[in-house]
Amino acid sequence: MAWRRARDVGALAGLAAPRGRPRRDARDEQIIRLEREKRQLEQELAKARFVVEVQAKLHALLETISESEQPERGSPS
């Protein structure tokens, strides 16, 4: 008889549970949003680092060109 009561209690508890997919926890939603934002910011950072690297190389190139075009001191121009 005890098993029938346990079965009935379990059956009723199963019927009381909401159907369908369980809702995501608010913290899980925030984690997903923050991970997405982190990936986007990492991509933007990579682009910015690339731009800085190109600018540094361009600066060095322009400096080299500028130095080669300037006449040396002491030589007639």
N, C-alpha and C. Protein backbone atom coordinates (compact mmCIF):
# COMPACT_ATOMS: atom_id res chain seq x y z
N MET A 1 0.80 -1.20 0.00
CA MET A 1 0.00 0.00 0.00
C MET A 1 0.85 1.27 0.00
N ALA A 2 2.00 1.23 0.64
CA ALA A 2 2.84 2.42 0.71
C ALA A 2 3.32 2.80 -0.69
N TRP A 3 3.57 1.81 -1.51
CA TRP A 3 4.06 2.13 -2.86
C TRP A 3 2.98 2.81 -3.69
N ARG A 4 1.70 2.47 -3.41
CA ARG A 4 0.61 3.13 -4.15
C ARG A 4 0.53 4.61 -3.76
N ARG A 5 0.69 4.87 -2.46
CA ARG A 5 0.67 6.26 -2.02
C ARG A 5 1.84 7.03 -2.63
N ALA A 6 3.02 6.42 -2.64
CA ALA A 6 4.20 7.06 -3.21
C ALA A 6 3.97 7.29 -4.71
N ARG A 7 3.36 6.32 -5.38
CA ARG A 7 3.07 6.46 -6.81
C ARG A 7 2.09 7.60 -7.03
N ASP A 8 1.05 7.65 -6.26
CA ASP A 8 0.04 8.70 -6.41
C ASP A 8 0.62 10.09 -6.14
N VAL A 9 1.44 10.19 -5.10
CA VAL A 9 2.06 11.47 -4.78
C VAL A 9 2.98 11.88 -5.93
N GLY A 10 3.76 10.96 -6.47
CA GLY A 10 4.65 11.25 -7.58
C GLY A 10 3.88 11.63 -8.83
N ALA A 11 2.77 10.98 -9.07
CA ALA A 11 1.97 11.28 -10.25
C ALA A 11 1.38 12.68 -10.14
N LEU A 12 0.90 13.02 -8.95
CA LEU A 12 0.33 14.34 -8.76
C LEU A 12 1.41 15.42 -8.85
N ALA A 13 2.59 15.14 -8.33
CA ALA A 13 3.68 16.10 -8.40
C ALA A 13 4.10 16.30 -9.85
N GLY A 14 4.08 15.23 -10.63
CA GLY A 14 4.42 15.34 -12.04
C GLY A 14 3.42 16.17 -12.81
N LEU A 15 2.16 16.08 -12.45
CA LEU A 15 1.14 16.86 -13.12
C LEU A 15 1.22 18.34 -12.74
N ALA A 16 1.73 18.63 -11.57
CA ALA A 16 1.82 20.02 -11.11
C ALA A 16 2.98 20.75 -11.76
N ALA A 17 3.96 20.02 -12.27
CA ALA A 17 5.14 20.66 -12.87
C ALA A 17 4.74 21.33 -14.19
N PRO A 18 5.26 22.51 -14.46
CA PRO A 18 4.94 23.20 -15.71
C PRO A 18 5.48 22.41 -16.90
N ARG A 19 4.74 22.47 -17.98
CA ARG A 19 5.14 21.74 -19.19
C ARG A 19 6.04 22.62 -20.04
N GLY A 20 6.76 21.98 -20.92
CA GLY A 20 7.59 22.72 -21.85
C GLY A 20 9.00 22.91 -21.33
N ARG A 21 9.75 23.68 -22.08
CA ARG A 21 11.15 23.95 -21.75
C ARG A 21 11.23 24.88 -20.54
N PRO A 22 12.09 24.56 -19.58
CA PRO A 22 12.23 25.45 -18.43
C PRO A 22 12.83 26.80 -18.85
N ARG A 23 12.38 27.85 -18.21
CA ARG A 23 12.87 29.20 -18.52
C ARG A 23 14.33 29.31 -18.09
N ARG A 24 15.06 30.10 -18.84
CA ARG A 24 16.46 30.35 -18.47
C ARG A 24 16.50 31.26 -17.25
N ASP A 25 17.51 31.02 -16.47
CA ASP A 25 17.72 31.85 -15.29
C ASP A 25 18.22 33.23 -15.76
N ALA A 26 17.87 34.26 -15.04
CA ALA A 26 18.29 35.62 -15.42
C ALA A 26 19.81 35.73 -15.44
N ARG A 27 20.47 35.01 -14.55
CA ARG A 27 21.94 35.04 -14.53
C ARG A 27 22.51 34.39 -15.79
N ASP A 28 21.85 33.31 -16.26
CA ASP A 28 22.30 32.66 -17.49
C ASP A 28 22.16 33.62 -18.68
N GLU A 29 21.06 34.35 -18.71
CA GLU A 29 20.85 35.34 -19.78
C GLU A 29 21.94 36.41 -19.74
N GLN A 30 22.27 36.86 -18.55
CA GLN A 30 23.30 37.89 -18.40
C GLN A 30 24.67 37.34 -18.83
N ILE A 31 24.95 36.10 -18.48
CA ILE A 31 26.22 35.48 -18.87
C ILE A 31 26.33 35.41 -20.39
N ILE A 32 25.25 34.99 -21.05
CA ILE A 32 25.24 34.90 -22.51
C ILE A 32 25.46 36.27 -23.12
N ARG A 33 24.77 37.28 -22.59
CA ARG A 33 24.90 38.64 -23.12
C ARG A 33 26.32 39.17 -22.92
N LEU A 34 26.89 38.93 -21.75
CA LEU A 34 28.24 39.41 -21.47
C LEU A 34 29.29 38.68 -22.32
N GLU A 35 29.10 37.39 -22.57
CA GLU A 35 30.03 36.65 -23.42
C GLU A 35 29.98 37.19 -24.85
N ARG A 36 28.77 37.49 -25.33
CA ARG A 36 28.61 38.05 -26.67
C ARG A 36 29.30 39.42 -26.75
N GLU A 37 29.09 40.24 -25.74
CA GLU A 37 29.71 41.57 -25.70
C GLU A 37 31.24 41.45 -25.62
N LYS A 38 31.73 40.48 -24.86
CA LYS A 38 33.17 40.27 -24.73
C LYS A 38 33.77 39.90 -26.07
N ARG A 39 33.12 39.00 -26.82
CA ARG A 39 33.63 38.62 -28.14
C ARG A 39 33.69 39.82 -29.07
N GLN A 40 32.66 40.65 -29.03
CA GLN A 40 32.61 41.84 -29.88
C GLN A 40 33.74 42.80 -29.50
N LEU A 41 33.94 43.02 -28.22
CA LEU A 41 35.00 43.93 -27.77
C LEU A 41 36.38 43.39 -28.10
N GLU A 42 36.55 42.06 -28.03
CA GLU A 42 37.84 41.47 -28.39
C GLU A 42 38.13 41.68 -29.88
N GLN A 43 37.09 41.58 -30.72
CA GLN A 43 37.27 41.83 -32.15
C GLN A 43 37.65 43.29 -32.40
N GLU A 44 36.98 44.20 -31.72
CA GLU A 44 37.29 45.62 -31.87
C GLU A 44 38.71 45.92 -31.39
N LEU A 45 39.13 45.28 -30.31
CA LEU A 45 40.48 45.48 -29.79
C LEU A 45 41.51 44.97 -30.79
N ALA A 46 41.25 43.82 -31.41
CA ALA A 46 42.18 43.29 -32.41
C ALA A 46 42.31 44.25 -33.58
N LYS A 47 41.19 44.84 -34.02
CA LYS A 47 41.24 45.81 -35.11
C LYS A 47 42.05 47.04 -34.70
N ALA A 48 41.83 47.53 -33.50
CA ALA A 48 42.54 48.72 -33.02
C ALA A 48 44.03 48.45 -32.91
N ARG A 49 44.41 47.26 -32.43
CA ARG A 49 45.82 46.91 -32.34
C ARG A 49 46.45 46.85 -33.73
N PHE A 50 45.71 46.32 -34.69
CA PHE A 50 46.21 46.25 -36.07
C PHE A 50 46.44 47.66 -36.62
N VAL A 51 45.50 48.55 -36.37
CA VAL A 51 45.63 49.93 -36.85
C VAL A 51 46.84 50.60 -36.22
N VAL A 52 47.05 50.41 -34.93
CA VAL A 52 48.20 51.01 -34.24
C VAL A 52 49.49 50.45 -34.82
N GLU A 53 49.51 49.16 -35.09
CA GLU A 53 50.71 48.53 -35.66
C GLU A 53 51.01 49.11 -37.04
N VAL A 54 49.99 49.27 -37.87
CA VAL A 54 50.18 49.84 -39.21
C VAL A 54 50.66 51.28 -39.09
N GLN A 55 50.08 52.04 -38.18
CA GLN A 55 50.49 53.43 -38.00
C GLN A 55 51.95 53.52 -37.56
N ALA A 56 52.38 52.63 -36.69
CA ALA A 56 53.77 52.64 -36.23
C ALA A 56 54.72 52.34 -37.40
N LYS A 57 54.34 51.37 -38.22
CA LYS A 57 55.18 51.03 -39.38
C LYS A 57 55.22 52.19 -40.38
N LEU A 58 54.07 52.83 -40.58
CA LEU A 58 54.01 53.97 -41.49
C LEU A 58 54.87 55.12 -40.97
N HIS A 59 54.80 55.36 -39.69
CA HIS A 59 55.60 56.41 -39.07
C HIS A 59 57.09 56.14 -39.29
N ALA A 60 57.50 54.89 -39.05
CA ALA A 60 58.91 54.53 -39.22
C ALA A 60 59.32 54.68 -40.69
N LEU A 61 58.45 54.31 -41.60
CA LEU A 61 58.76 54.44 -43.02
C LEU A 61 58.90 55.90 -43.42
N LEU A 62 57.97 56.73 -42.97
CA LEU A 62 58.02 58.16 -43.29
C LEU A 62 59.25 58.81 -42.69
N GLU A 63 59.63 58.39 -41.51
CA GLU A 63 60.84 58.91 -40.87
C GLU A 63 62.07 58.54 -41.70
N THR A 64 62.13 57.32 -42.19
CA THR A 64 63.24 56.87 -43.01
C THR A 64 63.32 57.66 -44.31
N ILE A 65 62.17 57.86 -44.93
CA ILE A 65 62.12 58.64 -46.18
C ILE A 65 62.55 60.07 -45.92
N SER A 66 62.06 60.64 -44.83
CA SER A 66 62.39 62.02 -44.49
C SER A 66 63.89 62.18 -44.26
N GLU A 67 64.51 61.23 -43.56
CA GLU A 67 65.94 61.30 -43.28
C GLU A 67 66.76 61.13 -44.56
N SER A 68 66.29 60.31 -45.48
CA SER A 68 67.05 60.09 -46.71
C SER A 68 66.94 61.29 -47.66
N GLU A 69 65.90 62.08 -47.55
CA GLU A 69 65.74 63.24 -48.42
C GLU A 69 66.47 64.48 -47.90
N GLN A 70 66.75 64.54 -46.61
CA GLN A 70 67.45 65.68 -46.04
C GLN A 70 68.93 65.62 -46.42
N PRO A 71 69.48 66.73 -46.90
CA PRO A 71 70.90 66.71 -47.23
C PRO A 71 71.73 66.60 -45.97
N GLU A 72 72.84 65.93 -46.07
CA GLU A 72 73.71 65.75 -44.91
C GLU A 72 74.35 67.10 -44.57
N ARG A 73 74.63 67.34 -43.33
CA ARG A 73 75.26 68.59 -42.90
C ARG A 73 76.70 68.60 -43.36
N GLY A 74 77.11 69.71 -43.83
CA GLY A 74 78.49 69.86 -44.25
C GLY A 74 78.70 69.57 -45.73
N SER A 75 77.74 69.02 -46.41
CA SER A 75 77.91 68.76 -47.84
C SER A 75 77.24 69.88 -48.62
N PRO A 76 77.82 70.28 -49.73
CA PRO A 76 77.24 71.38 -50.50
C PRO A 76 75.95 70.94 -51.18
N SER A 77 74.99 71.85 -51.20
CA SER A 77 73.70 71.54 -51.83
C SER A 77 73.44 72.44 -52.98
